[in-house]
Amino acid sequence: MYFSSYKNPNIKEINPTLLWEYNLVDFDYQAMRKQVIQRVIERGWPDDFQAIFNIYGIDNVIETIKEIKYLNKKDMNFVHIVFHIPLINLRCYRESLLKVQHWNY
């Protein structure tokens, strides 16, 4: 895995601009786990990934990624390749198969 060689236990904060619409003073990172991880996948830097690994643990991050309801195709393929998650195990991939696309070129 790409991030297994990147270890910095001092990084414990996610860039606050990723969660701009929330009040981070009383933000519950455990309850909002899916939203935080989805936002880091979509817009985060390597330090943000390290922060979620330190906050949630790599195994919990991978299990949460499998539960995320929507990721675009680029992000789906990113997590598929980097975290070695089969596409069929991703909820966002299964949901995308159910959507009818009329102008699919």
PDB file of N, CA and C in Angstrom:
ATOM      1  N   MET A   1       0.847  -1.178   0.000  1.00  0.00           N
ATOM      2  CA  MET A   1       0.000   0.000   0.000  1.00  0.00           C
ATOM      3  C   MET A   1       0.889   1.237   0.000  1.00  0.00           C
ATOM      4  N   TYR A   2       0.510   2.236  -0.726  1.00  0.00           N
ATOM      5  CA  TYR A   2       1.293   3.459  -0.867  1.00  0.00           C
ATOM      6  C   TYR A   2       1.525   4.151   0.472  1.00  0.00           C
ATOM      7  N   PHE A   3       0.523   4.227   1.318  1.00  0.00           N
ATOM      8  CA  PHE A   3       0.627   4.980   2.552  1.00  0.00           C
ATOM      9  C   PHE A   3       1.295   4.213   3.680  1.00  0.00           C
ATOM     10  N   SER A   4       1.598   2.924   3.497  1.00  0.00           N
ATOM     11  CA  SER A   4       2.204   2.155   4.575  1.00  0.00           C
ATOM     12  C   SER A   4       3.622   2.626   4.879  1.00  0.00           C
ATOM     13  N   SER A   5       4.308   3.183   3.884  1.00  0.00           N
ATOM     14  CA  SER A   5       5.665   3.662   4.116  1.00  0.00           C
ATOM     15  C   SER A   5       5.681   5.099   4.639  1.00  0.00           C
ATOM     16  N   TYR A   6       4.543   5.756   4.657  1.00  0.00           N
ATOM     17  CA  TYR A   6       4.451   7.147   5.097  1.00  0.00           C
ATOM     18  C   TYR A   6       3.929   7.170   6.523  1.00  0.00           C
ATOM     19  N   LYS A   7       4.849   7.275   7.470  1.00  0.00           N
ATOM     20  CA  LYS A   7       4.434   7.229   8.866  1.00  0.00           C
ATOM     21  C   LYS A   7       4.920   8.480   9.591  1.00  0.00           C
ATOM     22  N   ASN A   8       3.999   9.198  10.163  1.00  0.00           N
ATOM     23  CA  ASN A   8       4.310  10.356  10.979  1.00  0.00           C
ATOM     24  C   ASN A   8       3.263  10.443  12.079  1.00  0.00           C
ATOM     25  N   PRO A   9       3.565   9.886  13.247  1.00  0.00           N
ATOM     26  CA  PRO A   9       2.558   9.851  14.326  1.00  0.00           C
ATOM     27  C   PRO A   9       2.206  11.228  14.885  1.00  0.00           C
ATOM     28  N   ASN A  10       2.965  12.256  14.510  1.00  0.00           N
ATOM     29  CA  ASN A  10       2.685  13.593  15.034  1.00  0.00           C
ATOM     30  C   ASN A  10       1.523  14.278  14.330  1.00  0.00           C
ATOM     31  N   ILE A  11       1.147  13.817  13.142  1.00  0.00           N
ATOM     32  CA  ILE A  11       0.057  14.447  12.397  1.00  0.00           C
ATOM     33  C   ILE A  11      -1.268  13.869  12.885  1.00  0.00           C
ATOM     34  N   LYS A  12      -2.025  14.672  13.589  1.00  0.00           N
ATOM     35  CA  LYS A  12      -3.309  14.212  14.125  1.00  0.00           C
ATOM     36  C   LYS A  12      -4.450  15.128  13.735  1.00  0.00           C
ATOM     37  N   GLU A  13      -4.161  16.163  12.957  1.00  0.00           N
ATOM     38  CA  GLU A  13      -5.204  17.101  12.568  1.00  0.00           C
ATOM     39  C   GLU A  13      -5.396  17.107  11.064  1.00  0.00           C
ATOM     40  N   ILE A  14      -6.649  17.063  10.678  1.00  0.00           N
ATOM     41  CA  ILE A  14      -7.009  17.170   9.274  1.00  0.00           C
ATOM     42  C   ILE A  14      -7.073  18.650   8.934  1.00  0.00           C
ATOM     43  N   ASN A  15      -6.678  18.986   7.736  1.00  0.00           N
ATOM     44  CA  ASN A  15      -6.718  20.373   7.294  1.00  0.00           C
ATOM     45  C   ASN A  15      -8.145  20.905   7.476  1.00  0.00           C
ATOM     46  N   PRO A  16      -8.336  21.952   8.270  1.00  0.00           N
ATOM     47  CA  PRO A  16      -9.696  22.452   8.548  1.00  0.00           C
ATOM     48  C   PRO A  16     -10.438  22.957   7.321  1.00  0.00           C
ATOM     49  N   THR A  17      -9.731  23.286   6.252  1.00  0.00           N
ATOM     50  CA  THR A  17     -10.429  23.752   5.048  1.00  0.00           C
ATOM     51  C   THR A  17     -11.196  22.617   4.375  1.00  0.00           C
ATOM     52  N   LEU A  18     -10.838  21.364   4.650  1.00  0.00           N
ATOM     53  CA  LEU A  18     -11.587  20.237   4.089  1.00  0.00           C
ATOM     54  C   LEU A  18     -12.974  20.125   4.710  1.00  0.00           C
ATOM     55  N   LEU A  19     -13.117  20.597   5.929  1.00  0.00           N
ATOM     56  CA  LEU A  19     -14.394  20.518   6.650  1.00  0.00           C
ATOM     57  C   LEU A  19     -14.910  21.930   6.921  1.00  0.00           C
ATOM     58  N   TRP A  20     -14.861  22.756   5.907  1.00  0.00           N
ATOM     59  CA  TRP A  20     -15.160  24.181   6.053  1.00  0.00           C
ATOM     60  C   TRP A  20     -16.570  24.471   6.536  1.00  0.00           C
ATOM     61  N   GLU A  21     -17.542  23.605   6.233  1.00  0.00           N
ATOM     62  CA  GLU A  21     -18.927  23.921   6.583  1.00  0.00           C
ATOM     63  C   GLU A  21     -19.313  23.488   7.995  1.00  0.00           C
ATOM     64  N   TYR A  22     -18.394  22.873   8.723  1.00  0.00           N
ATOM     65  CA  TYR A  22     -18.679  22.402  10.074  1.00  0.00           C
ATOM     66  C   TYR A  22     -17.978  23.273  11.109  1.00  0.00           C
ATOM     67  N   ASN A  23     -18.572  23.352  12.284  1.00  0.00           N
ATOM     68  CA  ASN A  23     -17.932  24.025  13.411  1.00  0.00           C
ATOM     69  C   ASN A  23     -16.994  23.014  14.065  1.00  0.00           C
ATOM     70  N   LEU A  24     -15.707  23.200  13.908  1.00  0.00           N
ATOM     71  CA  LEU A  24     -14.737  22.214  14.371  1.00  0.00           C
ATOM     72  C   LEU A  24     -14.443  22.303  15.869  1.00  0.00           C
ATOM     73  N   VAL A  25     -15.011  23.287  16.543  1.00  0.00           N
ATOM     74  CA  VAL A  25     -14.805  23.404  17.981  1.00  0.00           C
ATOM     75  C   VAL A  25     -15.442  22.217  18.705  1.00  0.00           C
ATOM     76  N   ASP A  26     -16.662  21.876  18.324  1.00  0.00           N
ATOM     77  CA  ASP A  26     -17.360  20.757  18.962  1.00  0.00           C
ATOM     78  C   ASP A  26     -17.671  19.647  17.956  1.00  0.00           C
ATOM     79  N   PHE A  27     -16.788  19.463  16.982  1.00  0.00           N
ATOM     80  CA  PHE A  27     -16.989  18.477  15.915  1.00  0.00           C
ATOM     81  C   PHE A  27     -16.688  17.078  16.439  1.00  0.00           C
ATOM     82  N   ASP A  28     -17.581  16.129  16.193  1.00  0.00           N
ATOM     83  CA  ASP A  28     -17.405  14.740  16.629  1.00  0.00           C
ATOM     84  C   ASP A  28     -16.831  13.927  15.468  1.00  0.00           C
ATOM     85  N   TYR A  29     -15.530  13.705  15.498  1.00  0.00           N
ATOM     86  CA  TYR A  29     -14.857  12.998  14.413  1.00  0.00           C
ATOM     87  C   TYR A  29     -15.294  11.533  14.309  1.00  0.00           C
ATOM     88  N   GLN A  30     -15.699  10.927  15.407  1.00  0.00           N
ATOM     89  CA  GLN A  30     -16.142   9.536  15.358  1.00  0.00           C
ATOM     90  C   GLN A  30     -17.514   9.406  14.707  1.00  0.00           C
ATOM     91  N   ALA A  31     -18.419  10.279  15.061  1.00  0.00           N
ATOM     92  CA  ALA A  31     -19.770  10.214  14.498  1.00  0.00           C
ATOM     93  C   ALA A  31     -19.782  10.591  13.019  1.00  0.00           C
ATOM     94  N   MET A  32     -18.881  11.464  12.604  1.00  0.00           N
ATOM     95  CA  MET A  32     -18.839  11.944  11.222  1.00  0.00           C
ATOM     96  C   MET A  32     -17.733  11.253  10.418  1.00  0.00           C
ATOM     97  N   ARG A  33     -17.385  10.054  10.801  1.00  0.00           N
ATOM     98  CA  ARG A  33     -16.279   9.298  10.209  1.00  0.00           C
ATOM     99  C   ARG A  33     -16.385   9.184   8.694  1.00  0.00           C
ATOM    100  N   LYS A  34     -17.545   8.833   8.169  1.00  0.00           N
ATOM    101  CA  LYS A  34     -17.701   8.661   6.723  1.00  0.00           C
ATOM    102  C   LYS A  34     -17.473   9.963   5.971  1.00  0.00           C
ATOM    103  N   GLN A  35     -18.043  11.045   6.491  1.00  0.00           N
ATOM    104  CA  GLN A  35     -17.900  12.324   5.816  1.00  0.00           C
ATOM    105  C   GLN A  35     -16.450  12.796   5.822  1.00  0.00           C
ATOM    106  N   VAL A  36     -15.760  12.611   6.938  1.00  0.00           N
ATOM    107  CA  VAL A  36     -14.375  13.035   7.037  1.00  0.00           C
ATOM    108  C   VAL A  36     -13.504  12.243   6.064  1.00  0.00           C
ATOM    109  N   ILE A  37     -13.659  10.933   6.050  1.00  0.00           N
ATOM    110  CA  ILE A  37     -12.836  10.090   5.173  1.00  0.00           C
ATOM    111  C   ILE A  37     -13.163  10.365   3.715  1.00  0.00           C
ATOM    112  N   GLN A  38     -14.434  10.542   3.385  1.00  0.00           N
ATOM    113  CA  GLN A  38     -14.802  10.863   2.008  1.00  0.00           C
ATOM    114  C   GLN A  38     -14.178  12.181   1.570  1.00  0.00           C
ATOM    115  N   ARG A  39     -14.213  13.187   2.422  1.00  0.00           N
ATOM    116  CA  ARG A  39     -13.651  14.484   2.078  1.00  0.00           C
ATOM    117  C   ARG A  39     -12.137  14.403   1.893  1.00  0.00           C
ATOM    118  N   VAL A  40     -11.459  13.599   2.718  1.00  0.00           N
ATOM    119  CA  VAL A  40     -10.007  13.442   2.563  1.00  0.00           C
ATOM    120  C   VAL A  40      -9.693  12.720   1.259  1.00  0.00           C
ATOM    121  N   ILE A  41     -10.484  11.704   0.897  1.00  0.00           N
ATOM    122  CA  ILE A  41     -10.262  11.003  -0.372  1.00  0.00           C
ATOM    123  C   ILE A  41     -10.465  11.963  -1.540  1.00  0.00           C
ATOM    124  N   GLU A  42     -11.491  12.765  -1.485  1.00  0.00           N
ATOM    125  CA  GLU A  42     -11.809  13.656  -2.594  1.00  0.00           C
ATOM    126  C   GLU A  42     -10.842  14.826  -2.733  1.00  0.00           C
ATOM    127  N   ARG A  43     -10.385  15.392  -1.604  1.00  0.00           N
ATOM    128  CA  ARG A  43      -9.637  16.646  -1.682  1.00  0.00           C
ATOM    129  C   ARG A  43      -8.393  16.709  -0.804  1.00  0.00           C
ATOM    130  N   GLY A  44      -8.056  15.620  -0.128  1.00  0.00           N
ATOM    131  CA  GLY A  44      -6.983  15.672   0.850  1.00  0.00           C
ATOM    132  C   GLY A  44      -5.582  15.504   0.284  1.00  0.00           C
ATOM    133  N   TRP A  45      -4.616  15.932   1.074  1.00  0.00           N
ATOM    134  CA  TRP A  45      -3.201  15.775   0.793  1.00  0.00           C
ATOM    135  C   TRP A  45      -2.681  14.575   1.575  1.00  0.00           C
ATOM    136  N   PRO A  46      -1.469  14.105   1.305  1.00  0.00           N
ATOM    137  CA  PRO A  46      -0.927  12.966   2.059  1.00  0.00           C
ATOM    138  C   PRO A  46      -0.943  13.161   3.574  1.00  0.00           C
ATOM    139  N   ASP A  47      -0.713  14.382   4.057  1.00  0.00           N
ATOM    140  CA  ASP A  47      -0.779  14.620   5.507  1.00  0.00           C
ATOM    141  C   ASP A  47      -2.192  14.398   6.048  1.00  0.00           C
ATOM    142  N   ASP A  48      -3.209  14.699   5.252  1.00  0.00           N
ATOM    143  CA  ASP A  48      -4.586  14.462   5.675  1.00  0.00           C
ATOM    144  C   ASP A  48      -4.877  12.968   5.756  1.00  0.00           C
ATOM    145  N   PHE A  49      -4.333  12.198   4.821  1.00  0.00           N
ATOM    146  CA  PHE A  49      -4.484  10.747   4.891  1.00  0.00           C
ATOM    147  C   PHE A  49      -3.809  10.210   6.148  1.00  0.00           C
ATOM    148  N   GLN A  50      -2.606  10.705   6.436  1.00  0.00           N
ATOM    149  CA  GLN A  50      -1.905  10.264   7.643  1.00  0.00           C
ATOM    150  C   GLN A  50      -2.705  10.613   8.889  1.00  0.00           C
ATOM    151  N   ALA A  51      -3.344  11.765   8.886  1.00  0.00           N
ATOM    152  CA  ALA A  51      -4.158  12.169  10.035  1.00  0.00           C
ATOM    153  C   ALA A  51      -5.329  11.212  10.240  1.00  0.00           C
ATOM    154  N   ILE A  52      -6.031  10.826   9.155  1.00  0.00           N
ATOM    155  CA  ILE A  52      -7.156   9.898   9.349  1.00  0.00           C
ATOM    156  C   ILE A  52      -6.654   8.511   9.743  1.00  0.00           C
ATOM    157  N   PHE A  53      -5.467   8.126   9.282  1.00  0.00           N
ATOM    158  CA  PHE A  53      -4.908   6.847   9.733  1.00  0.00           C
ATOM    159  C   PHE A  53      -4.597   6.902  11.221  1.00  0.00           C
ATOM    160  N   ASN A  54      -4.101   8.026  11.698  1.00  0.00           N
ATOM    161  CA  ASN A  54      -3.793   8.169  13.120  1.00  0.00           C
ATOM    162  C   ASN A  54      -5.053   8.281  13.968  1.00  0.00           C
ATOM    163  N   ILE A  55      -6.092   8.911  13.427  1.00  0.00           N
ATOM    164  CA  ILE A  55      -7.332   9.082  14.189  1.00  0.00           C
ATOM    165  C   ILE A  55      -8.141   7.781  14.235  1.00  0.00           C
ATOM    166  N   TYR A  56      -8.317   7.136  13.076  1.00  0.00           N
ATOM    167  CA  TYR A  56      -9.220   5.986  12.980  1.00  0.00           C
ATOM    168  C   TYR A  56      -8.507   4.645  12.887  1.00  0.00           C
ATOM    169  N   GLY A  57      -7.272   4.617  12.452  1.00  0.00           N
ATOM    170  CA  GLY A  57      -6.572   3.362  12.199  1.00  0.00           C
ATOM    171  C   GLY A  57      -6.777   2.942  10.745  1.00  0.00           C
ATOM    172  N   ILE A  58      -5.772   2.345  10.145  1.00  0.00           N
ATOM    173  CA  ILE A  58      -5.830   2.008   8.724  1.00  0.00           C
ATOM    174  C   ILE A  58      -6.960   1.018   8.427  1.00  0.00           C
ATOM    175  N   ASP A  59      -7.127   0.016   9.278  1.00  0.00           N
ATOM    176  CA  ASP A  59      -8.179  -0.978   9.027  1.00  0.00           C
ATOM    177  C   ASP A  59      -9.570  -0.357   9.082  1.00  0.00           C
ATOM    178  N   ASN A  60      -9.804   0.546  10.030  1.00  0.00           N
ATOM    179  CA  ASN A  60     -11.108   1.222  10.110  1.00  0.00           C
ATOM    180  C   ASN A  60     -11.323   2.156   8.930  1.00  0.00           C
ATOM    181  N   VAL A  61     -10.260   2.773   8.441  1.00  0.00           N
ATOM    182  CA  VAL A  61     -10.383   3.640   7.271  1.00  0.00           C
ATOM    183  C   VAL A  61     -10.801   2.811   6.063  1.00  0.00           C
ATOM    184  N   ILE A  62     -10.177   1.660   5.875  1.00  0.00           N
ATOM    185  CA  ILE A  62     -10.511   0.789   4.738  1.00  0.00           C
ATOM    186  C   ILE A  62     -11.950   0.296   4.842  1.00  0.00           C
ATOM    187  N   GLU A  63     -12.383  -0.103   6.019  1.00  0.00           N
ATOM    188  CA  GLU A  63     -13.769  -0.555   6.189  1.00  0.00           C
ATOM    189  C   GLU A  63     -14.760   0.582   5.952  1.00  0.00           C
ATOM    190  N   THR A  64     -14.413   1.784   6.358  1.00  0.00           N
ATOM    191  CA  THR A  64     -15.289   2.930   6.133  1.00  0.00           C
ATOM    192  C   THR A  64     -15.356   3.279   4.660  1.00  0.00           C
ATOM    193  N   ILE A  65     -14.236   3.183   3.952  1.00  0.00           N
ATOM    194  CA  ILE A  65     -14.226   3.448   2.511  1.00  0.00           C
ATOM    195  C   ILE A  65     -15.200   2.524   1.801  1.00  0.00           C
ATOM    196  N   LYS A  66     -15.284   1.292   2.243  1.00  0.00           N
ATOM    197  CA  LYS A  66     -16.210   0.331   1.621  1.00  0.00           C
ATOM    198  C   LYS A  66     -17.668   0.743   1.814  1.00  0.00           C
ATOM    199  N   GLU A  67     -17.963   1.543   2.849  1.00  0.00           N
ATOM    200  CA  GLU A  67     -19.337   1.933   3.161  1.00  0.00           C
ATOM    201  C   GLU A  67     -19.750   3.274   2.548  1.00  0.00           C
ATOM    202  N   ILE A  68     -18.819   4.032   1.999  1.00  0.00           N
ATOM    203  CA  ILE A  68     -19.136   5.359   1.459  1.00  0.00           C
ATOM    204  C   ILE A  68     -20.091   5.214   0.283  1.00  0.00           C
ATOM    205  N   LYS A  69     -21.134   6.020   0.280  1.00  0.00           N
ATOM    206  CA  LYS A  69     -22.202   5.879  -0.704  1.00  0.00           C
ATOM    207  C   LYS A  69     -21.851   6.477  -2.063  1.00  0.00           C
ATOM    208  N   TYR A  70     -21.053   7.537  -2.110  1.00  0.00           N
ATOM    209  CA  TYR A  70     -20.719   8.132  -3.402  1.00  0.00           C
ATOM    210  C   TYR A  70     -19.259   8.563  -3.459  1.00  0.00           C
ATOM    211  N   LEU A  71     -18.588   8.137  -4.501  1.00  0.00           N
ATOM    212  CA  LEU A  71     -17.292   8.655  -4.913  1.00  0.00           C
ATOM    213  C   LEU A  71     -17.324   8.733  -6.428  1.00  0.00           C
ATOM    214  N   ASN A  72     -16.660   9.723  -7.008  1.00  0.00           N
ATOM    215  CA  ASN A  72     -16.632   9.773  -8.468  1.00  0.00           C
ATOM    216  C   ASN A  72     -15.712   8.663  -8.987  1.00  0.00           C
ATOM    217  N   LYS A  73     -15.715   8.456 -10.290  1.00  0.00           N
ATOM    218  CA  LYS A  73     -14.970   7.330 -10.868  1.00  0.00           C
ATOM    219  C   LYS A  73     -13.476   7.410 -10.575  1.00  0.00           C
ATOM    220  N   LYS A  74     -12.930   8.604 -10.631  1.00  0.00           N
ATOM    221  CA  LYS A  74     -11.501   8.784 -10.367  1.00  0.00           C
ATOM    222  C   LYS A  74     -11.167   8.368  -8.933  1.00  0.00           C
ATOM    223  N   ASP A  75     -11.964   8.804  -7.967  1.00  0.00           N
ATOM    224  CA  ASP A  75     -11.715   8.481  -6.570  1.00  0.00           C
ATOM    225  C   ASP A  75     -11.973   7.002  -6.273  1.00  0.00           C
ATOM    226  N   MET A  76     -12.981   6.429  -6.931  1.00  0.00           N
ATOM    227  CA  MET A  76     -13.218   4.984  -6.787  1.00  0.00           C
ATOM    228  C   MET A  76     -12.004   4.184  -7.217  1.00  0.00           C
ATOM    229  N   ASN A  77     -11.456   4.536  -8.371  1.00  0.00           N
ATOM    230  CA  ASN A  77     -10.292   3.817  -8.868  1.00  0.00           C
ATOM    231  C   ASN A  77      -9.059   4.076  -8.014  1.00  0.00           C
ATOM    232  N   PHE A  78      -8.949   5.269  -7.451  1.00  0.00           N
ATOM    233  CA  PHE A  78      -7.846   5.574  -6.556  1.00  0.00           C
ATOM    234  C   PHE A  78      -7.861   4.655  -5.342  1.00  0.00           C
ATOM    235  N   VAL A  79      -9.011   4.558  -4.647  1.00  0.00           N
ATOM    236  CA  VAL A  79      -9.064   3.713  -3.453  1.00  0.00           C
ATOM    237  C   VAL A  79      -8.952   2.236  -3.824  1.00  0.00           C
ATOM    238  N   HIS A  80      -9.451   1.872  -4.987  1.00  0.00           N
ATOM    239  CA  HIS A  80      -9.332   0.489  -5.460  1.00  0.00           C
ATOM    240  C   HIS A  80      -7.859   0.107  -5.612  1.00  0.00           C
ATOM    241  N   ILE A  81      -7.076   0.987  -6.216  1.00  0.00           N
ATOM    242  CA  ILE A  81      -5.674   0.680  -6.479  1.00  0.00           C
ATOM    243  C   ILE A  81      -4.805   0.853  -5.228  1.00  0.00           C
ATOM    244  N   VAL A  82      -4.965   1.947  -4.530  1.00  0.00           N
ATOM    245  CA  VAL A  82      -4.080   2.247  -3.404  1.00  0.00           C
ATOM    246  C   VAL A  82      -4.349   1.345  -2.203  1.00  0.00           C
ATOM    247  N   PHE A  83      -5.610   1.068  -1.906  1.00  0.00           N
ATOM    248  CA  PHE A  83      -5.951   0.275  -0.733  1.00  0.00           C
ATOM    249  C   PHE A  83      -6.244  -1.189  -1.060  1.00  0.00           C
ATOM    250  N   HIS A  84      -6.099  -1.570  -2.324  1.00  0.00           N
ATOM    251  CA  HIS A  84      -6.311  -2.959  -2.769  1.00  0.00           C
ATOM    252  C   HIS A  84      -7.703  -3.470  -2.391  1.00  0.00           C
ATOM    253  N   ILE A  85      -8.708  -2.633  -2.638  1.00  0.00           N
ATOM    254  CA  ILE A  85     -10.098  -3.006  -2.369  1.00  0.00           C
ATOM    255  C   ILE A  85     -10.737  -3.352  -3.715  1.00  0.00           C
ATOM    256  N   PRO A  86     -11.262  -4.562  -3.879  1.00  0.00           N
ATOM    257  CA  PRO A  86     -11.958  -4.875  -5.132  1.00  0.00           C
ATOM    258  C   PRO A  86     -13.138  -3.923  -5.340  1.00  0.00           C
ATOM    259  N   LEU A  87     -13.332  -3.501  -6.579  1.00  0.00           N
ATOM    260  CA  LEU A  87     -14.402  -2.540  -6.874  1.00  0.00           C
ATOM    261  C   LEU A  87     -15.766  -3.031  -6.401  1.00  0.00           C
ATOM    262  N   ILE A  88     -16.026  -4.295  -6.544  1.00  0.00           N
ATOM    263  CA  ILE A  88     -17.345  -4.835  -6.175  1.00  0.00           C
ATOM    264  C   ILE A  88     -17.601  -4.706  -4.668  1.00  0.00           C
ATOM    265  N   ASN A  89     -16.539  -4.564  -3.869  1.00  0.00           N
ATOM    266  CA  ASN A  89     -16.697  -4.398  -2.424  1.00  0.00           C
ATOM    267  C   ASN A  89     -16.999  -2.957  -2.032  1.00  0.00           C
ATOM    268  N   LEU A  90     -16.898  -2.038  -2.970  1.00  0.00           N
ATOM    269  CA  LEU A  90     -17.183  -0.633  -2.693  1.00  0.00           C
ATOM    270  C   LEU A  90     -18.676  -0.362  -2.899  1.00  0.00           C
ATOM    271  N   ARG A  91     -19.326   0.168  -1.894  1.00  0.00           N
ATOM    272  CA  ARG A  91     -20.743   0.496  -2.003  1.00  0.00           C
ATOM    273  C   ARG A  91     -20.986   1.530  -3.099  1.00  0.00           C
ATOM    274  N   CYS A  92     -20.081   2.493  -3.223  1.00  0.00           N
ATOM    275  CA  CYS A  92     -20.252   3.536  -4.247  1.00  0.00           C
ATOM    276  C   CYS A  92     -20.200   2.933  -5.655  1.00  0.00           C
ATOM    277  N   TYR A  93     -19.417   1.886  -5.850  1.00  0.00           N
ATOM    278  CA  TYR A  93     -19.358   1.233  -7.160  1.00  0.00           C
ATOM    279  C   TYR A  93     -20.659   0.480  -7.444  1.00  0.00           C
ATOM    280  N   ARG A  94     -21.145  -0.249  -6.446  1.00  0.00           N
ATOM    281  CA  ARG A  94     -22.401  -0.991  -6.629  1.00  0.00           C
ATOM    282  C   ARG A  94     -23.565  -0.041  -6.881  1.00  0.00           C
ATOM    283  N   GLU A  95     -23.582   1.097  -6.168  1.00  0.00           N
ATOM    284  CA  GLU A  95     -24.642   2.094  -6.379  1.00  0.00           C
ATOM    285  C   GLU A  95     -24.555   2.684  -7.783  1.00  0.00           C
ATOM    286  N   SER A  96     -23.345   2.891  -8.283  1.00  0.00           N
ATOM    287  CA  SER A  96     -23.197   3.468  -9.617  1.00  0.00           C
ATOM    288  C   SER A  96     -23.679   2.510 -10.699  1.00  0.00           C
ATOM    289  N   LEU A  97     -23.607   1.219 -10.445  1.00  0.00           N
ATOM    290  CA  LEU A  97     -24.101   0.241 -11.419  1.00  0.00           C
ATOM    291  C   LEU A  97     -25.617   0.262 -11.520  1.00  0.00           C
ATOM    292  N   LEU A  98     -26.278   0.694 -10.470  1.00  0.00           N
ATOM    293  CA  LEU A  98     -27.741   0.724 -10.451  1.00  0.00           C
ATOM    294  C   LEU A  98     -28.328   1.930 -11.161  1.00  0.00           C
ATOM    295  N   LYS A  99     -27.524   2.955 -11.387  1.00  0.00           N
ATOM    296  CA  LYS A  99     -28.015   4.181 -12.007  1.00  0.00           C
ATOM    297  C   LYS A  99     -28.066   4.025 -13.520  1.00  0.00           C
ATOM    298  N   VAL A 100     -29.180   4.416 -14.086  1.00  0.00           N
ATOM    299  CA  VAL A 100     -29.345   4.377 -15.536  1.00  0.00           C
ATOM    300  C   VAL A 100     -28.683   5.616 -16.124  1.00  0.00           C
ATOM    301  N   GLN A 101     -27.806   5.395 -17.088  1.00  0.00           N
ATOM    302  CA  GLN A 101     -27.128   6.511 -17.741  1.00  0.00           C
ATOM    303  C   GLN A 101     -27.515   6.483 -19.209  1.00  0.00           C
ATOM    304  N   HIS A 102     -28.277   7.475 -19.633  1.00  0.00           N
ATOM    305  CA  HIS A 102     -28.813   7.482 -20.979  1.00  0.00           C
ATOM    306  C   HIS A 102     -27.784   7.865 -22.031  1.00  0.00           C
ATOM    307  N   TRP A 103     -26.942   8.837 -21.731  1.00  0.00           N
ATOM    308  CA  TRP A 103     -25.970   9.313 -22.707  1.00  0.00           C
ATOM    309  C   TRP A 103     -24.575   8.858 -22.283  1.00  0.00           C
ATOM    310  N   ASN A 104     -24.378   7.572 -22.235  1.00  0.00           N
ATOM    311  CA  ASN A 104     -23.127   6.999 -21.770  1.00  0.00           C
ATOM    312  C   ASN A 104     -22.201   6.752 -22.984  1.00  0.00           C
ATOM    313  N   TYR A 105     -21.257   7.659 -23.206  1.00  0.00           N
ATOM    314  CA  TYR A 105     -20.321   7.517 -24.318  1.00  0.00           C
ATOM    315  C   TYR A 105     -19.004   6.999 -23.862  1.00  0.00           C
TER     316      TYR A 105
END
